[in-house]
Amino acid sequence: MPRIWDVVMPLIWEDSQFGRITVPVGFRTDLASVPPAVRDIPAFDPNGPSRKPAVLHDWCYCWQGMDRDRCDALLAAALVSVGISAGVAEIYRLAVHDFGERFYHQRIGGPFTTDFDTVEHYQQWHASLSTTFKVDTGEQLYG
């Protein structure tokens, strides 16, 4: 069984390439499904600098507001921005791309209540949605 972490305060990520993304309180993540066998390597330690980029990536897979390739590119860019080398960031990107397809496709129509620690946190996130929320590309995400 994978270890699961709960987001206890909003994680806000903003950059010029991907815009502003907020991971809501209560979202549950396994931190990019890093296998236990490599967690002792500093760049892959779930308690190390990869933590926020991994949460961000898992949210984007769940949220479905961008396609899978863009989610994976976001992970790599976020890793580099927190000090992970470009080479290791590319390994992460390739790994989630190769092994994350099933999870991404399970999230179609998500996020679901099971993606949150409590039904209340899910309801709070859902109530915060705006039908006019748009990403930099002008796509309407909800509505």
Protein backbone atom coordinates (compact mmCIF):
# COMPACT_ATOMS: atom_id res chain seq x y z
CA MET A 1 0.00 0.00 0.00
CA PRO A 2 1.48 3.38 -0.95
CA ARG A 3 2.06 5.98 1.70
CA ILE A 4 -0.44 8.83 1.39
CA TRP A 5 0.03 12.46 2.36
CA ASP A 6 -2.76 15.00 2.89
CA VAL A 7 -2.40 18.64 1.90
CA VAL A 8 -2.99 20.64 5.11
CA MET A 9 -2.74 24.14 3.64
CA PRO A 10 -3.27 25.34 0.07
CA LEU A 11 -0.25 24.84 -2.16
CA ILE A 12 -0.12 27.74 -4.60
CA TRP A 13 2.19 27.45 -7.58
CA GLU A 14 2.62 30.23 -10.08
CA ASP A 15 4.96 30.65 -13.00
CA SER A 16 4.95 32.22 -16.43
CA GLN A 17 4.73 28.94 -18.33
CA PHE A 18 1.93 27.18 -16.42
CA GLY A 19 0.09 30.03 -14.73
CA ARG A 20 -1.37 29.80 -11.23
CA ILE A 21 -2.39 26.45 -9.82
CA THR A 22 -3.78 25.94 -6.32
CA VAL A 23 -3.79 22.51 -4.73
CA PRO A 24 -6.63 22.56 -2.20
CA VAL A 25 -6.59 21.57 1.44
CA GLY A 26 -7.45 17.94 1.93
CA PHE A 27 -6.12 16.66 -1.39
CA ARG A 28 -4.53 13.22 -0.94
CA THR A 29 -1.31 12.36 -2.75
CA ASP A 30 1.24 9.59 -2.96
CA LEU A 31 3.87 12.11 -4.15
CA ALA A 32 4.17 11.01 -7.78
CA SER A 33 4.15 7.31 -6.85
CA VAL A 34 7.90 7.23 -6.17
CA PRO A 35 8.68 3.58 -5.46
CA PRO A 36 10.07 2.76 -1.99
CA ALA A 37 13.23 1.28 -3.55
CA VAL A 38 14.46 4.72 -4.68
CA ARG A 39 13.17 6.90 -1.83
CA ASP A 40 16.59 6.82 -0.13
CA ILE A 41 18.14 8.67 -3.08
CA PRO A 42 18.08 12.35 -2.01
CA ALA A 43 16.39 13.65 -5.20
CA PHE A 44 13.60 11.07 -4.79
CA ASP A 45 13.10 11.42 -1.03
CA PRO A 46 9.41 12.28 -0.52
CA ASN A 47 10.45 14.54 2.36
CA GLY A 48 12.97 16.39 0.20
CA PRO A 49 12.72 19.16 -2.40
CA SER A 50 10.63 17.05 -4.79
CA ARG A 51 7.65 17.09 -2.40
CA LYS A 52 5.85 20.23 -3.63
CA PRO A 53 6.38 19.45 -7.34
CA ALA A 54 5.08 15.91 -6.76
CA VAL A 55 1.95 17.20 -4.99
CA LEU A 56 1.41 19.68 -7.79
CA HIS A 57 1.77 16.96 -10.43
CA ASP A 58 -0.60 14.57 -8.67
CA TRP A 59 -3.18 17.35 -8.34
CA CYS A 60 -2.91 18.16 -12.05
CA TYR A 61 -3.40 14.48 -12.94
CA CYS A 62 -6.47 14.41 -10.71
CA TRP A 63 -7.84 17.84 -11.64
CA GLN A 64 -7.72 17.11 -15.40
CA GLY A 65 -7.37 20.83 -16.20
CA MET A 66 -4.47 20.14 -18.53
CA ASP A 67 -3.44 17.22 -20.67
CA ARG A 68 -1.04 14.56 -19.42
CA ASP A 69 2.00 15.79 -21.35
CA ARG A 70 1.56 19.27 -19.89
CA CYS A 71 1.18 17.83 -16.36
CA ASP A 72 4.41 15.90 -16.82
CA ALA A 73 6.20 18.96 -18.22
CA LEU A 74 4.96 20.96 -15.21
CA LEU A 75 6.50 18.38 -12.87
CA ALA A 76 9.88 18.63 -14.59
CA ALA A 77 9.83 22.45 -14.60
CA ALA A 78 8.77 22.59 -10.94
CA LEU A 79 11.51 20.16 -9.96
CA VAL A 80 14.14 22.30 -11.65
CA SER A 81 12.75 25.41 -9.96
CA VAL A 82 13.27 23.86 -6.49
CA GLY A 83 16.86 22.91 -7.24
CA ILE A 84 16.62 19.41 -8.71
CA SER A 85 18.97 18.95 -11.67
CA ALA A 86 17.50 18.97 -15.16
CA GLY A 87 18.70 15.39 -15.65
CA VAL A 88 16.89 14.07 -12.57
CA ALA A 89 13.81 16.13 -13.47
CA GLU A 90 13.77 14.42 -16.85
CA ILE A 91 13.97 11.00 -15.16
CA TYR A 92 10.94 11.95 -13.05
CA ARG A 93 9.08 13.19 -16.14
CA LEU A 94 9.77 10.01 -18.08
CA ALA A 95 8.84 7.78 -15.12
CA VAL A 96 5.49 9.45 -14.46
CA HIS A 97 4.78 9.53 -18.17
CA ASP A 98 5.55 5.83 -18.59
CA PHE A 99 3.88 4.61 -15.39
CA GLY A 100 1.16 7.21 -14.76
CA GLU A 101 -1.13 6.68 -17.73
CA ARG A 102 -3.52 4.35 -15.90
CA PHE A 103 -3.87 6.77 -12.97
CA TYR A 104 -4.43 9.76 -15.27
CA HIS A 105 -7.20 7.95 -17.16
CA GLN A 106 -8.84 6.78 -13.91
CA ARG A 107 -9.28 10.45 -13.00
CA ILE A 108 -11.50 11.33 -15.98
CA GLY A 109 -14.39 13.23 -14.45
CA GLY A 110 -12.40 13.84 -11.22
CA PRO A 111 -11.52 15.01 -8.70
CA PHE A 112 -13.69 12.73 -6.63
CA THR A 113 -14.48 12.74 -2.93
CA THR A 114 -12.01 9.85 -2.54
CA ASP A 115 -9.22 12.19 -3.71
CA PHE A 116 -9.69 14.20 -0.49
CA ASP A 117 -9.18 13.36 3.16
CA THR A 118 -12.76 14.33 4.05
CA VAL A 119 -16.01 14.89 2.21
CA GLU A 120 -16.06 18.39 3.70
CA HIS A 121 -12.72 19.29 2.08
CA TYR A 122 -13.99 17.99 -1.24
CA GLN A 123 -17.16 20.05 -0.86
CA GLN A 124 -15.15 23.17 0.02
CA TRP A 125 -12.97 22.71 -3.07
CA HIS A 126 -16.00 22.06 -5.27
CA ALA A 127 -17.82 25.13 -3.94
CA SER A 128 -14.79 27.27 -4.79
CA LEU A 129 -14.98 26.49 -8.52
CA SER A 130 -15.78 29.37 -10.80
CA THR A 131 -17.40 28.91 -14.18
CA THR A 132 -15.24 31.75 -15.44
CA PHE A 133 -11.93 30.34 -14.21
CA LYS A 134 -9.51 30.24 -17.12
CA VAL A 135 -5.91 29.23 -17.64
CA ASP A 136 -3.49 31.34 -19.66
CA THR A 137 -4.48 29.51 -22.85
CA GLY A 138 -8.06 30.78 -22.46
CA GLU A 139 -9.54 27.30 -22.03
CA GLN A 140 -12.63 27.17 -19.84
CA LEU A 141 -12.01 24.48 -17.28
CA TYR A 142 -15.36 24.29 -15.53
CA GLY A 143 -18.78 25.45 -16.35
